[in-house]
Amino acid sequence: MTAPRRRRDDDGVAIVEMAMVLPILVVLMLGMFTGALAWNQSLALGQGARLTARYASTLPLPVAGELESQDVLDAAWLKDLIDRTVSASEGQLGTDVAGRKVCVAYVDPAGTDPDETISRTLTGTSSYSAVTSTPCFSDGQADTARRIQVLVERGGHIDTGLYRFPLTLRRTAVYRYEADGGL
């Protein structure tokens, strides 16, 4: 049995079809690749937020002594937690990352001293905010729930080769505060 003969005017059809389909395939593949990178970055941010919130939920709150004020201790406690978030985020919150923001808060709705809401935020390269009495975000928890909040944001994008879609990657974590006053 012999192979069917092609007609003479079919020469080059496969090349023309490939030239028509290839740009669409490249755009789809590039979009899927950069989308997967953005998803991976988001997962790393979530990991850093969860690890910090879990760790902070078991730490005792700083208590002022004779040498340092409560504000200084709170600022140092929250800065340490922010630094832990940055280091636990698998390099996705480096100083060169656009739109970087980390907020850590101990939320105590009862609000009686020394139990009160305290938060601190890192934005940009190394700009730490002062300690404030506002939570990082509204988490919908009960008014009596003491908790740790961690909010992590950074810029990202999905690139298709023709257009770049900017994204704000945002992850949050909330853990019930479980530390006791000691033994």
N, C-alpha and C. Protein backbone atom coordinates (compact mmCIF):
# COMPACT_ATOMS: atom_id res chain seq x y z
N MET A 1 0.84 -1.16 0.00
CA MET A 1 0.00 0.00 0.00
C MET A 1 0.89 1.24 0.00
N THR A 2 0.59 2.16 -0.77
CA THR A 2 1.40 3.37 -0.90
C THR A 2 0.76 4.51 -0.12
N ALA A 3 1.62 5.43 0.33
CA ALA A 3 1.14 6.58 1.09
C ALA A 3 0.39 7.52 0.15
N PRO A 4 -0.65 8.17 0.67
CA PRO A 4 -1.39 9.10 -0.20
C PRO A 4 -0.50 10.27 -0.59
N ARG A 5 -0.64 10.68 -1.78
CA ARG A 5 0.16 11.80 -2.28
C ARG A 5 -0.48 13.12 -1.88
N ARG A 6 0.37 14.04 -1.46
CA ARG A 6 -0.14 15.37 -1.11
C ARG A 6 -0.31 16.19 -2.37
N ARG A 7 -1.26 17.07 -2.25
CA ARG A 7 -1.45 17.95 -3.39
C ARG A 7 -0.34 18.98 -3.42
N ARG A 8 -0.03 19.45 -4.55
CA ARG A 8 1.08 20.36 -4.74
C ARG A 8 0.87 21.68 -4.01
N ASP A 9 -0.34 22.17 -3.84
CA ASP A 9 -0.58 23.46 -3.22
C ASP A 9 -0.65 23.38 -1.68
N ASP A 10 -0.39 22.21 -1.07
CA ASP A 10 -0.37 22.07 0.39
C ASP A 10 1.02 22.30 0.97
N ASP A 11 2.03 22.57 0.18
CA ASP A 11 3.38 22.78 0.69
C ASP A 11 3.40 24.02 1.59
N GLY A 12 4.00 23.86 2.80
CA GLY A 12 4.16 24.99 3.71
C GLY A 12 2.98 25.27 4.63
N VAL A 13 1.92 24.48 4.54
CA VAL A 13 0.75 24.72 5.38
C VAL A 13 1.09 24.54 6.86
N ALA A 14 1.88 23.53 7.16
CA ALA A 14 2.24 23.28 8.56
C ALA A 14 3.04 24.45 9.14
N ILE A 15 3.90 25.05 8.37
CA ILE A 15 4.68 26.19 8.85
C ILE A 15 3.78 27.39 9.10
N VAL A 16 2.83 27.62 8.25
CA VAL A 16 1.90 28.74 8.42
C VAL A 16 1.03 28.50 9.65
N GLU A 17 0.55 27.27 9.84
CA GLU A 17 -0.26 26.96 11.02
C GLU A 17 0.55 27.14 12.31
N MET A 18 1.79 26.70 12.28
CA MET A 18 2.65 26.86 13.46
C MET A 18 2.90 28.33 13.73
N ALA A 19 3.11 29.12 12.72
CA ALA A 19 3.34 30.56 12.90
C ALA A 19 2.10 31.24 13.49
N MET A 20 0.93 30.71 13.23
CA MET A 20 -0.29 31.29 13.78
C MET A 20 -0.53 30.85 15.23
N VAL A 21 -0.18 29.63 15.55
CA VAL A 21 -0.47 29.08 16.87
C VAL A 21 0.64 29.38 17.88
N LEU A 22 1.88 29.47 17.44
CA LEU A 22 3.02 29.64 18.34
C LEU A 22 2.92 30.87 19.23
N PRO A 23 2.55 32.05 18.75
CA PRO A 23 2.45 33.21 19.65
C PRO A 23 1.43 33.00 20.77
N ILE A 24 0.33 32.36 20.45
CA ILE A 24 -0.69 32.10 21.47
C ILE A 24 -0.15 31.13 22.51
N LEU A 25 0.56 30.10 22.07
CA LEU A 25 1.15 29.14 23.00
C LEU A 25 2.19 29.79 23.89
N VAL A 26 3.01 30.67 23.31
CA VAL A 26 4.05 31.35 24.09
C VAL A 26 3.41 32.24 25.15
N VAL A 27 2.37 32.99 24.80
CA VAL A 27 1.69 33.86 25.75
C VAL A 27 1.08 33.03 26.88
N LEU A 28 0.43 31.92 26.54
CA LEU A 28 -0.16 31.05 27.56
C LEU A 28 0.90 30.45 28.48
N MET A 29 1.98 29.97 27.91
CA MET A 29 3.04 29.36 28.71
C MET A 29 3.71 30.38 29.62
N LEU A 30 3.99 31.58 29.10
CA LEU A 30 4.61 32.62 29.91
C LEU A 30 3.67 33.06 31.03
N GLY A 31 2.39 33.20 30.73
CA GLY A 31 1.41 33.56 31.76
C GLY A 31 1.30 32.49 32.83
N MET A 32 1.30 31.22 32.44
CA MET A 32 1.24 30.14 33.43
C MET A 32 2.50 30.11 34.27
N PHE A 33 3.63 30.33 33.67
CA PHE A 33 4.90 30.30 34.40
C PHE A 33 4.97 31.43 35.42
N THR A 34 4.67 32.66 35.01
CA THR A 34 4.74 33.78 35.96
C THR A 34 3.61 33.71 36.98
N GLY A 35 2.48 33.15 36.60
CA GLY A 35 1.41 32.93 37.57
C GLY A 35 1.82 31.93 38.64
N ALA A 36 2.52 30.89 38.23
CA ALA A 36 3.02 29.91 39.20
C ALA A 36 4.07 30.53 40.11
N LEU A 37 4.91 31.40 39.58
CA LEU A 37 5.88 32.10 40.43
C LEU A 37 5.18 32.99 41.46
N ALA A 38 4.13 33.69 41.04
CA ALA A 38 3.38 34.54 41.97
C ALA A 38 2.70 33.68 43.04
N TRP A 39 2.17 32.54 42.65
CA TRP A 39 1.54 31.63 43.61
C TRP A 39 2.59 31.13 44.62
N ASN A 40 3.77 30.80 44.15
CA ASN A 40 4.84 30.35 45.03
C ASN A 40 5.24 31.46 46.01
N GLN A 41 5.32 32.68 45.54
CA GLN A 41 5.63 33.81 46.42
C GLN A 41 4.54 33.97 47.48
N SER A 42 3.30 33.83 47.07
CA SER A 42 2.19 33.95 48.02
C SER A 42 2.24 32.85 49.08
N LEU A 43 2.58 31.64 48.68
CA LEU A 43 2.71 30.55 49.64
C LEU A 43 3.83 30.83 50.64
N ALA A 44 4.94 31.38 50.17
CA ALA A 44 6.05 31.70 51.06
C ALA A 44 5.64 32.79 52.06
N LEU A 45 4.86 33.77 51.61
CA LEU A 45 4.37 34.80 52.51
C LEU A 45 3.46 34.20 53.58
N GLY A 46 2.57 33.31 53.16
CA GLY A 46 1.68 32.64 54.11
C GLY A 46 2.44 31.82 55.12
N GLN A 47 3.49 31.16 54.68
CA GLN A 47 4.33 30.37 55.59
C GLN A 47 4.97 31.26 56.64
N GLY A 48 5.52 32.38 56.22
CA GLY A 48 6.13 33.31 57.17
C GLY A 48 5.12 33.86 58.17
N ALA A 49 3.93 34.21 57.69
CA ALA A 49 2.89 34.75 58.57
C ALA A 49 2.44 33.69 59.58
N ARG A 50 2.21 32.48 59.12
CA ARG A 50 1.76 31.40 60.03
C ARG A 50 2.81 31.06 61.08
N LEU A 51 4.06 30.92 60.66
CA LEU A 51 5.11 30.58 61.62
C LEU A 51 5.26 31.65 62.69
N THR A 52 5.21 32.91 62.29
CA THR A 52 5.35 33.99 63.26
C THR A 52 4.15 34.05 64.19
N ALA A 53 2.95 33.92 63.66
CA ALA A 53 1.75 33.98 64.51
C ALA A 53 1.74 32.81 65.51
N ARG A 54 2.12 31.64 65.06
CA ARG A 54 2.16 30.49 65.97
C ARG A 54 3.21 30.70 67.05
N TYR A 55 4.38 31.18 66.67
CA TYR A 55 5.45 31.44 67.63
C TYR A 55 5.03 32.51 68.63
N ALA A 56 4.48 33.62 68.14
CA ALA A 56 4.10 34.73 69.01
C ALA A 56 2.97 34.38 69.95
N SER A 57 2.12 33.45 69.55
CA SER A 57 0.98 33.09 70.40
C SER A 57 1.41 32.38 71.68
N THR A 58 2.65 31.92 71.73
CA THR A 58 3.13 31.23 72.92
C THR A 58 4.14 32.06 73.72
N LEU A 59 4.49 33.23 73.23
CA LEU A 59 5.46 34.09 73.94
C LEU A 59 4.77 34.89 75.03
N PRO A 60 5.40 35.02 76.17
CA PRO A 60 4.84 35.93 77.17
C PRO A 60 5.01 37.38 76.71
N LEU A 61 4.06 38.20 77.08
CA LEU A 61 4.14 39.62 76.74
C LEU A 61 5.26 40.26 77.55
N PRO A 62 5.91 41.26 76.99
CA PRO A 62 6.97 41.94 77.75
C PRO A 62 6.36 42.72 78.92
N VAL A 63 7.05 42.67 80.03
CA VAL A 63 6.60 43.39 81.23
C VAL A 63 7.71 44.37 81.62
N ALA A 64 7.33 45.63 81.80
CA ALA A 64 8.30 46.68 82.10
C ALA A 64 8.92 46.45 83.47
N GLY A 65 10.20 46.70 83.53
CA GLY A 65 10.93 46.64 84.80
C GLY A 65 11.36 48.03 85.22
N GLU A 66 12.40 48.08 86.00
CA GLU A 66 12.89 49.37 86.48
C GLU A 66 13.69 50.12 85.43
N LEU A 67 14.31 49.39 84.50
CA LEU A 67 15.23 50.04 83.56
C LEU A 67 14.60 50.45 82.24
N GLU A 68 13.55 49.77 81.80
CA GLU A 68 12.96 50.08 80.50
C GLU A 68 11.47 50.32 80.62
N SER A 69 10.97 51.18 79.75
CA SER A 69 9.54 51.47 79.77
C SER A 69 8.78 50.40 78.98
N GLN A 70 7.49 50.34 79.20
CA GLN A 70 6.65 49.37 78.50
C GLN A 70 6.66 49.62 77.00
N ASP A 71 6.67 50.87 76.59
CA ASP A 71 6.68 51.20 75.16
C ASP A 71 7.93 50.67 74.46
N VAL A 72 9.08 50.80 75.10
CA VAL A 72 10.33 50.31 74.52
C VAL A 72 10.31 48.79 74.40
N LEU A 73 9.82 48.13 75.44
CA LEU A 73 9.73 46.66 75.40
C LEU A 73 8.75 46.18 74.35
N ASP A 74 7.59 46.84 74.25
CA ASP A 74 6.61 46.46 73.23
C ASP A 74 7.19 46.62 71.83
N ALA A 75 7.89 47.73 71.60
CA ALA A 75 8.48 47.98 70.29
C ALA A 75 9.51 46.92 69.94
N ALA A 76 10.35 46.54 70.90
CA ALA A 76 11.37 45.52 70.65
C ALA A 76 10.73 44.15 70.43
N TRP A 77 9.68 43.82 71.18
CA TRP A 77 8.97 42.54 71.05
C TRP A 77 8.36 42.42 69.66
N LEU A 78 7.67 43.47 69.23
CA LEU A 78 7.03 43.46 67.91
C LEU A 78 8.06 43.48 66.79
N LYS A 79 9.16 44.22 66.95
CA LYS A 79 10.21 44.24 65.93
C LYS A 79 10.81 42.86 65.75
N ASP A 80 11.03 42.15 66.85
CA ASP A 80 11.55 40.78 66.76
C ASP A 80 10.60 39.88 65.98
N LEU A 81 9.32 40.04 66.21
CA LEU A 81 8.34 39.22 65.48
C LEU A 81 8.31 39.58 63.99
N ILE A 82 8.44 40.86 63.68
CA ILE A 82 8.50 41.28 62.27
C ILE A 82 9.75 40.69 61.61
N ASP A 83 10.87 40.75 62.30
CA ASP A 83 12.11 40.18 61.75
C ASP A 83 11.98 38.68 61.53
N ARG A 84 11.29 37.99 62.43
CA ARG A 84 11.06 36.55 62.25
C ARG A 84 10.19 36.28 61.03
N THR A 85 9.21 37.13 60.80
CA THR A 85 8.34 36.97 59.62
C THR A 85 9.15 37.12 58.35
N VAL A 86 10.00 38.13 58.30
CA VAL A 86 10.82 38.36 57.11
C VAL A 86 11.74 37.17 56.87
N SER A 87 12.37 36.66 57.92
CA SER A 87 13.30 35.54 57.73
C SER A 87 12.58 34.23 57.42
N ALA A 88 11.35 34.07 57.87
CA ALA A 88 10.61 32.82 57.62
C ALA A 88 9.89 32.82 56.27
N SER A 89 9.95 33.92 55.54
CA SER A 89 9.23 34.02 54.27
C SER A 89 10.06 33.62 53.06
N GLU A 90 11.06 32.82 53.27
CA GLU A 90 11.85 32.21 52.20
C GLU A 90 12.40 33.23 51.20
N GLY A 91 12.84 34.39 51.70
CA GLY A 91 13.44 35.39 50.84
C GLY A 91 12.46 36.24 50.05
N GLN A 92 11.17 36.07 50.25
CA GLN A 92 10.18 36.82 49.49
C GLN A 92 9.88 38.20 50.07
N LEU A 93 10.51 38.53 51.20
CA LEU A 93 10.31 39.85 51.82
C LEU A 93 11.63 40.58 52.01
N GLY A 94 12.56 40.38 51.09
CA GLY A 94 13.85 41.06 51.17
C GLY A 94 13.70 42.56 51.06
N THR A 95 14.76 43.29 51.38
CA THR A 95 14.70 44.75 51.36
C THR A 95 14.48 45.32 49.97
N ASP A 96 14.77 44.54 48.94
CA ASP A 96 14.62 45.02 47.56
C ASP A 96 13.24 44.72 46.97
N VAL A 97 12.33 44.13 47.74
CA VAL A 97 11.01 43.75 47.23
C VAL A 97 10.09 44.95 47.22
N ALA A 98 9.47 45.19 46.08
CA ALA A 98 8.55 46.32 45.93
C ALA A 98 7.25 46.05 46.71
N GLY A 99 6.75 47.08 47.37
CA GLY A 99 5.48 46.98 48.07
C GLY A 99 5.53 46.13 49.33
N ARG A 100 6.69 45.95 49.91
CA ARG A 100 6.84 45.10 51.10
C ARG A 100 6.18 45.75 52.31
N LYS A 101 5.38 44.95 53.03
CA LYS A 101 4.73 45.43 54.24
C LYS A 101 4.53 44.24 55.17
N VAL A 102 4.90 44.40 56.43
CA VAL A 102 4.69 43.38 57.45
C VAL A 102 4.10 44.08 58.67
N CYS A 103 2.96 43.59 59.14
CA CYS A 103 2.34 44.13 60.34
C CYS A 103 2.12 42.99 61.32
N VAL A 104 2.51 43.20 62.57
CA VAL A 104 2.30 42.22 63.63
C VAL A 104 1.55 42.92 64.76
N ALA A 105 0.51 42.26 65.28
CA ALA A 105 -0.27 42.86 66.35
C ALA A 105 -0.65 41.82 67.40
N TYR A 106 -0.61 42.26 68.64
CA TYR A 106 -1.22 41.51 69.74
C TYR A 106 -2.52 42.22 70.01
N VAL A 107 -3.64 41.54 69.84
CA VAL A 107 -4.96 42.16 69.96
C VAL A 107 -5.61 41.64 71.24
N ASP A 108 -5.92 42.57 72.12
CA ASP A 108 -6.64 42.26 73.35
C ASP A 108 -7.81 43.22 73.47
N PRO A 109 -9.00 42.78 73.08
CA PRO A 109 -10.15 43.68 73.10
C PRO A 109 -10.53 44.19 74.48
N ALA A 110 -10.12 43.47 75.54
CA ALA A 110 -10.45 43.94 76.88
C ALA A 110 -9.82 45.30 77.13
N GLY A 111 -8.59 45.48 76.68
CA GLY A 111 -7.95 46.79 76.68
C GLY A 111 -7.58 47.35 78.02
N THR A 112 -7.52 46.54 79.07
CA THR A 112 -7.10 47.08 80.36
C THR A 112 -5.61 46.90 80.51
N ASP A 113 -4.95 47.91 81.02
CA ASP A 113 -3.50 47.90 81.14
C ASP A 113 -3.07 46.81 82.12
N PRO A 114 -2.07 45.98 81.87
CA PRO A 114 -1.14 46.04 80.75
C PRO A 114 -1.65 45.29 79.52
N ASP A 115 -2.85 44.71 79.59
CA ASP A 115 -3.39 43.99 78.43
C ASP A 115 -4.09 44.98 77.51
N GLU A 116 -3.49 45.20 76.34
CA GLU A 116 -4.06 46.13 75.37
C GLU A 116 -3.60 45.71 73.98
N THR A 117 -4.21 46.29 72.99
CA THR A 117 -3.82 46.01 71.61
C THR A 117 -2.57 46.82 71.27
N ILE A 118 -1.58 46.11 70.73
CA ILE A 118 -0.36 46.78 70.28
C ILE A 118 0.01 46.23 68.91
N SER A 119 0.49 47.09 68.04
CA SER A 119 0.90 46.65 66.71
C SER A 119 2.05 47.51 66.22
N ARG A 120 2.78 46.93 65.25
CA ARG A 120 3.89 47.64 64.62
C ARG A 120 3.98 47.17 63.19
N THR A 121 4.39 48.06 62.29
CA THR A 121 4.43 47.75 60.87
C THR A 121 5.79 48.08 60.28
N LEU A 122 6.26 47.21 59.40
CA LEU A 122 7.47 47.46 58.61
C LEU A 122 7.02 47.71 57.18
N THR A 123 7.44 48.83 56.62
CA THR A 123 7.14 49.13 55.21
C THR A 123 8.43 49.52 54.52
N GLY A 124 8.49 49.26 53.24
CA GLY A 124 9.66 49.65 52.47
C GLY A 124 10.90 48.88 52.88
N THR A 125 12.03 49.55 52.82
CA THR A 125 13.30 48.87 53.08
C THR A 125 13.51 48.59 54.55
N SER A 126 13.35 49.58 55.41
CA SER A 126 13.57 49.34 56.84
C SER A 126 12.87 50.38 57.69
N SER A 127 11.67 50.76 57.31
CA SER A 127 10.93 51.80 58.03
C SER A 127 9.92 51.15 58.97
N TYR A 128 10.25 51.10 60.27
CA TYR A 128 9.35 50.55 61.28
C TYR A 128 8.48 51.68 61.82
N SER A 129 7.20 51.40 61.92
CA SER A 129 6.31 52.41 62.50
C SER A 129 6.44 52.38 64.02
N ALA A 130 5.92 53.41 64.65
CA ALA A 130 5.85 53.41 66.11
C ALA A 130 4.79 52.39 66.53
N VAL A 131 4.83 52.01 67.77
CA VAL A 131 3.83 51.08 68.30
C VAL A 131 2.50 51.80 68.38
N THR A 132 1.46 51.19 67.81
CA THR A 132 0.12 51.78 67.83
C THR A 132 -0.83 50.85 68.58
N SER A 133 -2.03 51.32 68.81
CA SER A 133 -3.03 50.52 69.52
C SER A 133 -4.13 50.04 68.58
N THR A 134 -3.78 49.85 67.30
CA THR A 134 -4.76 49.37 66.33
C THR A 134 -4.34 48.00 65.81
N PRO A 135 -5.30 47.14 65.52
CA PRO A 135 -4.94 45.84 64.93
C PRO A 135 -4.47 46.01 63.49
N CYS A 136 -3.87 44.97 62.95
CA CYS A 136 -3.38 45.01 61.57
C CYS A 136 -4.53 44.97 60.56
N PHE A 137 -5.58 44.22 60.88
CA PHE A 137 -6.72 44.09 59.97
C PHE A 137 -7.91 43.61 60.79
N SER A 138 -9.09 43.71 60.21
CA SER A 138 -10.30 43.22 60.86
C SER A 138 -10.43 41.73 60.57
N ASP A 139 -10.36 40.91 61.61
CA ASP A 139 -10.37 39.47 61.40
C ASP A 139 -11.69 38.79 61.77
N GLY A 140 -12.66 39.54 62.25
CA GLY A 140 -13.96 38.97 62.54
C GLY A 140 -14.01 38.09 63.78
N GLN A 141 -13.01 38.17 64.64
CA GLN A 141 -13.00 37.37 65.85
C GLN A 141 -13.91 37.98 66.91
N ALA A 142 -14.21 37.19 67.94
CA ALA A 142 -15.07 37.65 69.02
C ALA A 142 -14.42 38.81 69.77
N ASP A 143 -15.25 39.62 70.41
CA ASP A 143 -14.75 40.78 71.13
C ASP A 143 -13.90 40.42 72.34
N THR A 144 -13.97 39.18 72.80
CA THR A 144 -13.21 38.78 73.97
C THR A 144 -11.97 37.97 73.63
N ALA A 145 -11.73 37.72 72.37
CA ALA A 145 -10.63 36.84 71.97
C ALA A 145 -9.30 37.59 71.92
N ARG A 146 -8.34 37.15 72.75
CA ARG A 146 -6.98 37.66 72.65
C ARG A 146 -6.28 36.87 71.55
N ARG A 147 -5.56 37.58 70.67
CA ARG A 147 -4.99 36.91 69.51
C ARG A 147 -3.78 37.66 68.97
N ILE A 148 -3.04 36.94 68.13
CA ILE A 148 -1.91 37.50 67.40
C ILE A 148 -2.31 37.60 65.94
N GLN A 149 -2.09 38.74 65.34
CA GLN A 149 -2.36 38.95 63.91
C GLN A 149 -1.04 39.22 63.19
N VAL A 150 -0.90 38.61 62.02
CA VAL A 150 0.24 38.91 61.16
C VAL A 150 -0.30 39.17 59.76
N LEU A 151 0.07 40.29 59.19
CA LEU A 151 -0.30 40.67 57.83
C LEU A 151 0.98 40.85 57.03
N VAL A 152 1.05 40.21 55.87
CA VAL A 152 2.23 40.29 55.02
C VAL A 152 1.77 40.65 53.61
N GLU A 153 2.42 41.65 53.01
CA GLU A 153 2.10 42.07 51.64
C GLU A 153 3.38 42.29 50.86
N ARG A 154 3.29 42.12 49.56
CA ARG A 154 4.38 42.47 48.65
C ARG A 154 3.80 42.60 47.25
N GLY A 155 4.52 43.29 46.41
CA GLY A 155 4.11 43.44 45.02
C GLY A 155 4.49 42.21 44.22
N GLY A 156 3.76 41.96 43.19
CA GLY A 156 4.05 40.85 42.28
C GLY A 156 3.44 41.16 40.92
N HIS A 157 3.55 40.24 40.00
CA HIS A 157 2.97 40.45 38.68
C HIS A 157 2.82 39.11 37.95
N ILE A 158 1.92 39.13 36.98
CA ILE A 158 1.80 38.04 36.02
C ILE A 158 2.11 38.65 34.67
N ASP A 159 3.09 38.10 34.00
CA ASP A 159 3.59 38.64 32.74
C ASP A 159 3.20 37.70 31.61
N THR A 160 2.52 38.22 30.60
CA THR A 160 2.13 37.38 29.46
C THR A 160 3.01 37.62 28.24
N GLY A 161 3.95 38.52 28.36
CA GLY A 161 4.77 38.87 27.20
C GLY A 161 4.19 40.05 26.46
N LEU A 162 2.88 40.17 26.45
CA LEU A 162 2.22 41.31 25.82
C LEU A 162 1.79 42.35 26.84
N TYR A 163 1.46 41.87 28.03
CA TYR A 163 0.97 42.76 29.07
C TYR A 163 1.39 42.23 30.43
N ARG A 164 1.70 43.12 31.34
CA ARG A 164 2.06 42.75 32.71
C ARG A 164 0.90 43.14 33.63
N PHE A 165 0.36 42.15 34.34
CA PHE A 165 -0.72 42.38 35.28
C PHE A 165 -0.13 42.53 36.68
N PRO A 166 -0.17 43.73 37.25
CA PRO A 166 0.39 43.91 38.60
C PRO A 166 -0.53 43.28 39.65
N LEU A 167 0.09 42.72 40.68
CA LEU A 167 -0.64 42.08 41.76
C LEU A 167 -0.13 42.61 43.09
N THR A 168 -0.98 42.57 44.09
CA THR A 168 -0.55 42.75 45.47
C THR A 168 -0.78 41.43 46.16
N LEU A 169 0.29 40.75 46.50
CA LEU A 169 0.20 39.48 47.19
C LEU A 169 0.03 39.77 48.67
N ARG A 170 -1.05 39.24 49.27
CA ARG A 170 -1.38 39.55 50.66
C ARG A 170 -1.76 38.26 51.37
N ARG A 171 -1.12 38.01 52.50
CA ARG A 171 -1.45 36.85 53.32
C ARG A 171 -1.61 37.30 54.77
N THR A 172 -2.51 36.66 55.47
CA THR A 172 -2.75 36.97 56.88
C THR A 172 -2.76 35.69 57.70
N ALA A 173 -2.48 35.84 58.97
CA ALA A 173 -2.58 34.72 59.90
C ALA A 173 -3.07 35.27 61.24
N VAL A 174 -3.95 34.50 61.88
CA VAL A 174 -4.46 34.85 63.20
C VAL A 174 -4.38 33.60 64.07
N TYR A 175 -3.74 33.74 65.22
CA TYR A 175 -3.66 32.65 66.19
C TYR A 175 -4.16 33.16 67.54
N ARG A 176 -4.86 32.31 68.24
CA ARG A 176 -5.31 32.66 69.59
C ARG A 176 -4.10 32.78 70.49
N TYR A 177 -4.06 33.84 71.28
CA TYR A 177 -2.93 34.04 72.20
C TYR A 177 -3.09 33.08 73.37
N GLU A 178 -2.09 32.24 73.57
CA GLU A 178 -2.21 31.18 74.56
C GLU A 178 -1.16 31.23 75.65
N ALA A 179 -0.28 32.19 75.63
CA ALA A 179 0.79 32.25 76.63
C ALA A 179 0.19 32.59 77.99
N ASP A 180 0.76 31.98 79.00
CA ASP A 180 0.31 32.31 80.36
C ASP A 180 1.34 33.20 81.03
N GLY A 181 1.08 33.56 82.22
CA GLY A 181 1.96 34.47 82.93
C GLY A 181 3.20 33.83 83.50
N GLY A 182 3.42 32.58 83.25
CA GLY A 182 4.59 31.91 83.78
C GLY A 182 4.21 30.89 84.83
N LEU A 183 5.20 30.38 85.50
CA LEU A 183 4.94 29.35 86.51
C LEU A 183 4.70 29.92 87.87
